[in-house]
Amino acid sequence: MVSASPQEITELLLSWSNGDQAALDQLMPLVYPELKRLARLYMGRENPGHTLQASALINEAYLRLVDRQNVQWQDRAHFFAAAAQLMRHILIDHARRQRYGKHGGRAPHFPLDDVAVVSQEPADGLVALDEALTSLATVDPRKSQIVELRFFGGLTVEETAEVLKLSTVTVKREWRSAKAWLRTEIDKALTSATAE
């Protein structure tokens, strides 16, 4: 496995942002293990029979990252935050396709804990989480970013603090508050969907 310092990755990202395609060729083997870790984290939350594979998630995220035009990467943390966001959108799109492909059967409860989603119908729970997170972003964008980085990005409290340039105490406090807010919103959404 190839390893590189965060500074080396940042330098390659900056070179790539400035149009150096060779930098991208050097960068991908360095960031692939982390992209793979993120994808495995996501897929580990899904049912064993999930139709989207980790390798497909990595490949789709990679293609979308490479296809982005005029991105001025700030550093390694910025890149992985963008990768986490892309993986979130890929999974949400997949969950919506799965959800709309089925008839009936909503999940009765969707608990959110530090790093796991447990739902009898993961597609419904994931879509409910996405809708609640989108709502949270309008109320408190920073809390929404923290959830996205921790939950979808698989970042630790310390890594999240680094990306957002916050203290770890602030990240912990806002993470707890965001989880409580999201639980309430998700429970409301799933309860009203079940009643329909």
C-alpha atoms as a PDB file:
ATOM      1  CA  MET A   1       0.000   0.000   0.000  1.00  0.00           C
ATOM      2  CA  VAL A   2       1.314   3.423  -0.976  1.00  0.00           C
ATOM      3  CA  SER A   3       1.331   6.036   1.763  1.00  0.00           C
ATOM      4  CA  ALA A   4       1.935   9.736   1.645  1.00  0.00           C
ATOM      5  CA  SER A   5       1.940  12.603   4.046  1.00  0.00           C
ATOM      6  CA  PRO A   6      -1.065  14.937   4.175  1.00  0.00           C
ATOM      7  CA  GLN A   7       1.254  17.663   2.863  1.00  0.00           C
ATOM      8  CA  GLU A   8       2.222  15.599  -0.193  1.00  0.00           C
ATOM      9  CA  ILE A   9      -1.442  14.913  -0.956  1.00  0.00           C
ATOM     10  CA  THR A  10      -2.251  18.611  -0.553  1.00  0.00           C
ATOM     11  CA  GLU A  11       0.570  19.570  -2.939  1.00  0.00           C
ATOM     12  CA  LEU A  12      -0.683  17.101  -5.554  1.00  0.00           C
ATOM     13  CA  LEU A  13      -4.255  18.386  -5.143  1.00  0.00           C
ATOM     14  CA  LEU A  14      -3.081  21.962  -5.650  1.00  0.00           C
ATOM     15  CA  SER A  15      -1.094  20.962  -8.735  1.00  0.00           C
ATOM     16  CA  TRP A  16      -4.104  19.107 -10.116  1.00  0.00           C
ATOM     17  CA  SER A  17      -6.290  22.170  -9.429  1.00  0.00           C
ATOM     18  CA  ASN A  18      -3.840  24.175 -11.502  1.00  0.00           C
ATOM     19  CA  GLY A  19      -4.241  21.823 -14.473  1.00  0.00           C
ATOM     20  CA  ASP A  20      -1.414  19.326 -13.944  1.00  0.00           C
ATOM     21  CA  GLN A  21      -2.877  15.979 -15.096  1.00  0.00           C
ATOM     22  CA  ALA A  22       0.298  14.143 -14.042  1.00  0.00           C
ATOM     23  CA  ALA A  23      -0.465  15.204 -10.465  1.00  0.00           C
ATOM     24  CA  LEU A  24      -3.824  13.418 -10.728  1.00  0.00           C
ATOM     25  CA  ASP A  25      -2.063  10.244 -11.880  1.00  0.00           C
ATOM     26  CA  GLN A  26       0.227  10.423  -8.841  1.00  0.00           C
ATOM     27  CA  LEU A  27      -2.608  11.355  -6.485  1.00  0.00           C
ATOM     28  CA  MET A  28      -5.054   8.530  -7.129  1.00  0.00           C
ATOM     29  CA  PRO A  29      -2.913   5.648  -5.777  1.00  0.00           C
ATOM     30  CA  LEU A  30      -2.333   7.739  -2.651  1.00  0.00           C
ATOM     31  CA  VAL A  31      -5.998   8.515  -1.921  1.00  0.00           C
ATOM     32  CA  TYR A  32      -7.520   5.240  -3.124  1.00  0.00           C
ATOM     33  CA  PRO A  33      -7.013   3.391   0.200  1.00  0.00           C
ATOM     34  CA  GLU A  34      -8.934   6.120   2.056  1.00  0.00           C
ATOM     35  CA  LEU A  35     -11.706   6.137  -0.572  1.00  0.00           C
ATOM     36  CA  LYS A  36     -11.885   2.361  -0.177  1.00  0.00           C
ATOM     37  CA  ARG A  37     -12.137   2.701   3.606  1.00  0.00           C
ATOM     38  CA  LEU A  38     -14.996   5.200   3.240  1.00  0.00           C
ATOM     39  CA  ALA A  39     -16.822   2.942   0.785  1.00  0.00           C
ATOM     40  CA  ARG A  40     -16.433  -0.091   3.053  1.00  0.00           C
ATOM     41  CA  LEU A  41     -17.738   1.953   5.974  1.00  0.00           C
ATOM     42  CA  TYR A  42     -20.838   2.885   3.986  1.00  0.00           C
ATOM     43  CA  MET A  43     -21.411  -0.573   2.618  1.00  0.00           C
ATOM     44  CA  GLY A  44     -20.916  -2.135   6.058  1.00  0.00           C
ATOM     45  CA  ARG A  45     -24.112  -0.344   7.120  1.00  0.00           C
ATOM     46  CA  GLU A  46     -26.124  -1.888   4.321  1.00  0.00           C
ATOM     47  CA  ASN A  47     -27.886  -5.252   4.173  1.00  0.00           C
ATOM     48  CA  PRO A  48     -25.691  -8.126   2.912  1.00  0.00           C
ATOM     49  CA  GLY A  49     -27.763  -8.394  -0.274  1.00  0.00           C
ATOM     50  CA  HIS A  50     -27.318  -4.710  -1.169  1.00  0.00           C
ATOM     51  CA  THR A  51     -27.193  -4.288  -4.940  1.00  0.00           C
ATOM     52  CA  LEU A  52     -24.496  -1.594  -4.895  1.00  0.00           C
ATOM     53  CA  GLN A  53     -21.001  -2.929  -4.259  1.00  0.00           C
ATOM     54  CA  ALA A  54     -18.190  -1.035  -2.498  1.00  0.00           C
ATOM     55  CA  SER A  55     -16.039  -1.120  -5.634  1.00  0.00           C
ATOM     56  CA  ALA A  56     -18.874   0.450  -7.665  1.00  0.00           C
ATOM     57  CA  LEU A  57     -19.256   3.155  -5.022  1.00  0.00           C
ATOM     58  CA  ILE A  58     -15.512   3.913  -5.131  1.00  0.00           C
ATOM     59  CA  ASN A  59     -15.446   3.965  -8.926  1.00  0.00           C
ATOM     60  CA  GLU A  60     -18.478   6.237  -9.204  1.00  0.00           C
ATOM     61  CA  ALA A  61     -17.078   8.636  -6.586  1.00  0.00           C
ATOM     62  CA  TYR A  62     -13.690   8.635  -8.329  1.00  0.00           C
ATOM     63  CA  LEU A  63     -15.255   9.408 -11.707  1.00  0.00           C
ATOM     64  CA  ARG A  64     -17.276  12.261 -10.245  1.00  0.00           C
ATOM     65  CA  LEU A  65     -14.256  13.682  -8.414  1.00  0.00           C
ATOM     66  CA  VAL A  66     -12.098  13.572 -11.537  1.00  0.00           C
ATOM     67  CA  ASP A  67     -14.896  15.046 -13.639  1.00  0.00           C
ATOM     68  CA  ARG A  68     -15.223  18.130 -11.420  1.00  0.00           C
ATOM     69  CA  GLN A  69     -14.092  21.213 -13.272  1.00  0.00           C
ATOM     70  CA  ASN A  70     -12.471  24.294 -11.774  1.00  0.00           C
ATOM     71  CA  VAL A  71     -12.264  22.951  -8.230  1.00  0.00           C
ATOM     72  CA  GLN A  72      -9.623  24.676  -6.177  1.00  0.00           C
ATOM     73  CA  TRP A  73      -8.729  21.972  -3.680  1.00  0.00           C
ATOM     74  CA  GLN A  74      -7.599  23.492  -0.413  1.00  0.00           C
ATOM     75  CA  ASP A  75      -6.056  20.419   1.162  1.00  0.00           C
ATOM     76  CA  ARG A  76      -6.427  16.699   1.816  1.00  0.00           C
ATOM     77  CA  ALA A  77      -9.315  17.254   4.233  1.00  0.00           C
ATOM     78  CA  HIS A  78     -11.223  19.273   1.614  1.00  0.00           C
ATOM     79  CA  PHE A  79     -10.781  16.456  -0.914  1.00  0.00           C
ATOM     80  CA  PHE A  80     -12.020  13.746   1.449  1.00  0.00           C
ATOM     81  CA  ALA A  81     -14.947  15.899   2.574  1.00  0.00           C
ATOM     82  CA  ALA A  82     -15.941  16.224  -1.093  1.00  0.00           C
ATOM     83  CA  ALA A  83     -15.503  12.463  -1.573  1.00  0.00           C
ATOM     84  CA  ALA A  84     -17.717  11.785   1.454  1.00  0.00           C
ATOM     85  CA  GLN A  85     -20.379  14.103   0.102  1.00  0.00           C
ATOM     86  CA  LEU A  86     -20.268  12.416  -3.308  1.00  0.00           C
ATOM     87  CA  MET A  87     -20.564   8.961  -1.759  1.00  0.00           C
ATOM     88  CA  ARG A  88     -23.539  10.189   0.247  1.00  0.00           C
ATOM     89  CA  HIS A  89     -25.270  11.385  -2.913  1.00  0.00           C
ATOM     90  CA  ILE A  90     -24.500   8.158  -4.776  1.00  0.00           C
ATOM     91  CA  LEU A  91     -25.963   6.076  -1.944  1.00  0.00           C
ATOM     92  CA  ILE A  92     -29.000   8.344  -1.591  1.00  0.00           C
ATOM     93  CA  ASP A  93     -29.675   8.175  -5.341  1.00  0.00           C
ATOM     94  CA  HIS A  94     -29.356   4.387  -5.193  1.00  0.00           C
ATOM     95  CA  ALA A  95     -31.656   4.206  -2.150  1.00  0.00           C
ATOM     96  CA  ARG A  96     -34.267   6.366  -3.875  1.00  0.00           C
ATOM     97  CA  ARG A  97     -34.193   4.141  -6.950  1.00  0.00           C
ATOM     98  CA  GLN A  98     -34.614   1.083  -4.704  1.00  0.00           C
ATOM     99  CA  ARG A  99     -37.379   2.731  -2.682  1.00  0.00           C
ATOM    100  CA  TYR A 100     -39.358   3.838  -5.694  1.00  0.00           C
ATOM    101  CA  GLY A 101     -38.933   0.414  -7.240  1.00  0.00           C
ATOM    102  CA  LYS A 102     -40.783  -1.228  -4.374  1.00  0.00           C
ATOM    103  CA  HIS A 103     -44.425  -1.031  -3.334  1.00  0.00           C
ATOM    104  CA  GLY A 104     -45.292  -0.203   0.269  1.00  0.00           C
ATOM    105  CA  GLY A 105     -43.306  -1.377   3.289  1.00  0.00           C
ATOM    106  CA  ARG A 106     -41.937   1.611   5.154  1.00  0.00           C
ATOM    107  CA  ALA A 107     -39.534   1.208   8.063  1.00  0.00           C
ATOM    108  CA  PRO A 108     -41.184   1.800  11.424  1.00  0.00           C
ATOM    109  CA  HIS A 109     -38.084   3.186  13.164  1.00  0.00           C
ATOM    110  CA  PHE A 110     -34.742   4.635  12.117  1.00  0.00           C
ATOM    111  CA  PRO A 111     -32.269   5.142  14.985  1.00  0.00           C
ATOM    112  CA  LEU A 112     -29.150   7.187  14.359  1.00  0.00           C
ATOM    113  CA  ASP A 113     -26.144   6.495  16.533  1.00  0.00           C
ATOM    114  CA  ASP A 114     -22.496   7.478  16.261  1.00  0.00           C
ATOM    115  CA  VAL A 115     -21.655   5.468  13.162  1.00  0.00           C
ATOM    116  CA  ALA A 116     -24.459   3.108  12.285  1.00  0.00           C
ATOM    117  CA  VAL A 117     -27.823   3.148  10.619  1.00  0.00           C
ATOM    118  CA  VAL A 118     -30.188   0.407  11.669  1.00  0.00           C
ATOM    119  CA  SER A 119     -33.430   0.129   9.769  1.00  0.00           C
ATOM    120  CA  GLN A 120     -35.641  -2.701   8.633  1.00  0.00           C
ATOM    121  CA  GLU A 121     -35.828  -0.992   5.228  1.00  0.00           C
ATOM    122  CA  PRO A 122     -32.469   0.746   4.667  1.00  0.00           C
ATOM    123  CA  ALA A 123     -33.526   2.617   1.531  1.00  0.00           C
ATOM    124  CA  ASP A 124     -36.361   4.351   3.396  1.00  0.00           C
ATOM    125  CA  GLY A 125     -34.140   5.120   6.381  1.00  0.00           C
ATOM    126  CA  LEU A 126     -31.334   6.488   4.251  1.00  0.00           C
ATOM    127  CA  VAL A 127     -33.721   8.685   2.265  1.00  0.00           C
ATOM    128  CA  ALA A 128     -35.327   9.913   5.509  1.00  0.00           C
ATOM    129  CA  LEU A 129     -31.858  10.720   6.859  1.00  0.00           C
ATOM    130  CA  ASP A 130     -30.968  12.620   3.697  1.00  0.00           C
ATOM    131  CA  GLU A 131     -34.194  14.643   3.839  1.00  0.00           C
ATOM    132  CA  ALA A 132     -33.645  15.444   7.520  1.00  0.00           C
ATOM    133  CA  LEU A 133     -30.028  16.380   6.850  1.00  0.00           C
ATOM    134  CA  THR A 134     -31.090  18.682   4.016  1.00  0.00           C
ATOM    135  CA  SER A 135     -33.544  20.310   6.431  1.00  0.00           C
ATOM    136  CA  LEU A 136     -30.845  20.635   9.072  1.00  0.00           C
ATOM    137  CA  ALA A 137     -28.592  22.369   6.537  1.00  0.00           C
ATOM    138  CA  THR A 138     -31.142  25.170   6.202  1.00  0.00           C
ATOM    139  CA  VAL A 139     -31.426  25.559   9.981  1.00  0.00           C
ATOM    140  CA  ASP A 140     -27.780  25.007  10.952  1.00  0.00           C
ATOM    141  CA  PRO A 141     -25.302  24.429   8.099  1.00  0.00           C
ATOM    142  CA  ARG A 142     -22.383  23.706  10.414  1.00  0.00           C
ATOM    143  CA  LYS A 143     -24.206  20.902  12.237  1.00  0.00           C
ATOM    144  CA  SER A 144     -25.194  19.478   8.859  1.00  0.00           C
ATOM    145  CA  GLN A 145     -21.542  19.488   7.761  1.00  0.00           C
ATOM    146  CA  ILE A 146     -20.504  17.763  10.974  1.00  0.00           C
ATOM    147  CA  VAL A 147     -23.066  14.997  10.426  1.00  0.00           C
ATOM    148  CA  GLU A 148     -22.047  14.608   6.798  1.00  0.00           C
ATOM    149  CA  LEU A 149     -18.366  14.311   7.663  1.00  0.00           C
ATOM    150  CA  ARG A 150     -18.848  12.025  10.677  1.00  0.00           C
ATOM    151  CA  PHE A 151     -21.659   9.829   9.413  1.00  0.00           C
ATOM    152  CA  PHE A 152     -21.156   9.758   5.665  1.00  0.00           C
ATOM    153  CA  GLY A 153     -17.454  10.562   5.619  1.00  0.00           C
ATOM    154  CA  GLY A 154     -16.531   8.269   8.458  1.00  0.00           C
ATOM    155  CA  LEU A 155     -14.270  10.958   9.898  1.00  0.00           C
ATOM    156  CA  THR A 156     -13.350  10.977  13.556  1.00  0.00           C
ATOM    157  CA  VAL A 157     -14.150  13.916  15.812  1.00  0.00           C
ATOM    158  CA  GLU A 158     -10.545  15.083  15.438  1.00  0.00           C
ATOM    159  CA  GLU A 159     -10.588  14.803  11.625  1.00  0.00           C
ATOM    160  CA  THR A 160     -13.927  16.628  11.471  1.00  0.00           C
ATOM    161  CA  ALA A 161     -12.532  19.387  13.676  1.00  0.00           C
ATOM    162  CA  GLU A 162      -9.531  19.672  11.337  1.00  0.00           C
ATOM    163  CA  VAL A 163     -11.701  19.915   8.211  1.00  0.00           C
ATOM    164  CA  LEU A 164     -14.046  22.510   9.705  1.00  0.00           C
ATOM    165  CA  LYS A 165     -11.353  24.300  11.683  1.00  0.00           C
ATOM    166  CA  LEU A 166     -13.231  23.863  14.961  1.00  0.00           C
ATOM    167  CA  SER A 167     -12.276  22.564  18.371  1.00  0.00           C
ATOM    168  CA  THR A 168     -12.981  18.926  19.142  1.00  0.00           C
ATOM    169  CA  VAL A 169     -15.203  20.044  22.029  1.00  0.00           C
ATOM    170  CA  THR A 170     -17.360  22.051  19.619  1.00  0.00           C
ATOM    171  CA  VAL A 171     -17.597  19.139  17.190  1.00  0.00           C
ATOM    172  CA  LYS A 172     -18.637  16.732  19.976  1.00  0.00           C
ATOM    173  CA  ARG A 173     -21.273  19.142  21.303  1.00  0.00           C
ATOM    174  CA  GLU A 174     -22.738  19.910  17.875  1.00  0.00           C
ATOM    175  CA  TRP A 175     -22.620  16.232  16.843  1.00  0.00           C
ATOM    176  CA  ARG A 176     -24.737  15.285  19.899  1.00  0.00           C
ATOM    177  CA  SER A 177     -27.178  18.114  19.236  1.00  0.00           C
ATOM    178  CA  ALA A 178     -27.441  17.308  15.516  1.00  0.00           C
ATOM    179  CA  LYS A 179     -28.100  13.616  16.213  1.00  0.00           C
ATOM    180  CA  ALA A 180     -30.949  14.491  18.586  1.00  0.00           C
ATOM    181  CA  TRP A 181     -32.459  16.889  16.051  1.00  0.00           C
ATOM    182  CA  LEU A 182     -32.143  14.344  13.239  1.00  0.00           C
ATOM    183  CA  ARG A 183     -33.688  11.541  15.331  1.00  0.00           C
ATOM    184  CA  THR A 184     -36.756  13.698  15.937  1.00  0.00           C
ATOM    185  CA  GLU A 185     -37.084  14.661  12.257  1.00  0.00           C
ATOM    186  CA  ILE A 186     -36.538  11.111  10.985  1.00  0.00           C
ATOM    187  CA  ASP A 187     -39.038   9.656  13.460  1.00  0.00           C
ATOM    188  CA  LYS A 188     -41.620  12.252  12.366  1.00  0.00           C
ATOM    189  CA  ALA A 189     -40.989  11.500   8.676  1.00  0.00           C
ATOM    190  CA  LEU A 190     -41.189   7.747   9.072  1.00  0.00           C
ATOM    191  CA  THR A 191     -44.250   7.942  11.334  1.00  0.00           C
ATOM    192  CA  SER A 192     -46.129  10.146   8.861  1.00  0.00           C
ATOM    193  CA  ALA A 193     -45.055   7.917   5.944  1.00  0.00           C
ATOM    194  CA  THR A 194     -46.304   4.817   7.752  1.00  0.00           C
ATOM    195  CA  ALA A 195     -49.635   6.515   8.463  1.00  0.00           C
ATOM    196  CA  GLU A 196     -50.219   7.240   4.768  1.00  0.00           C
END
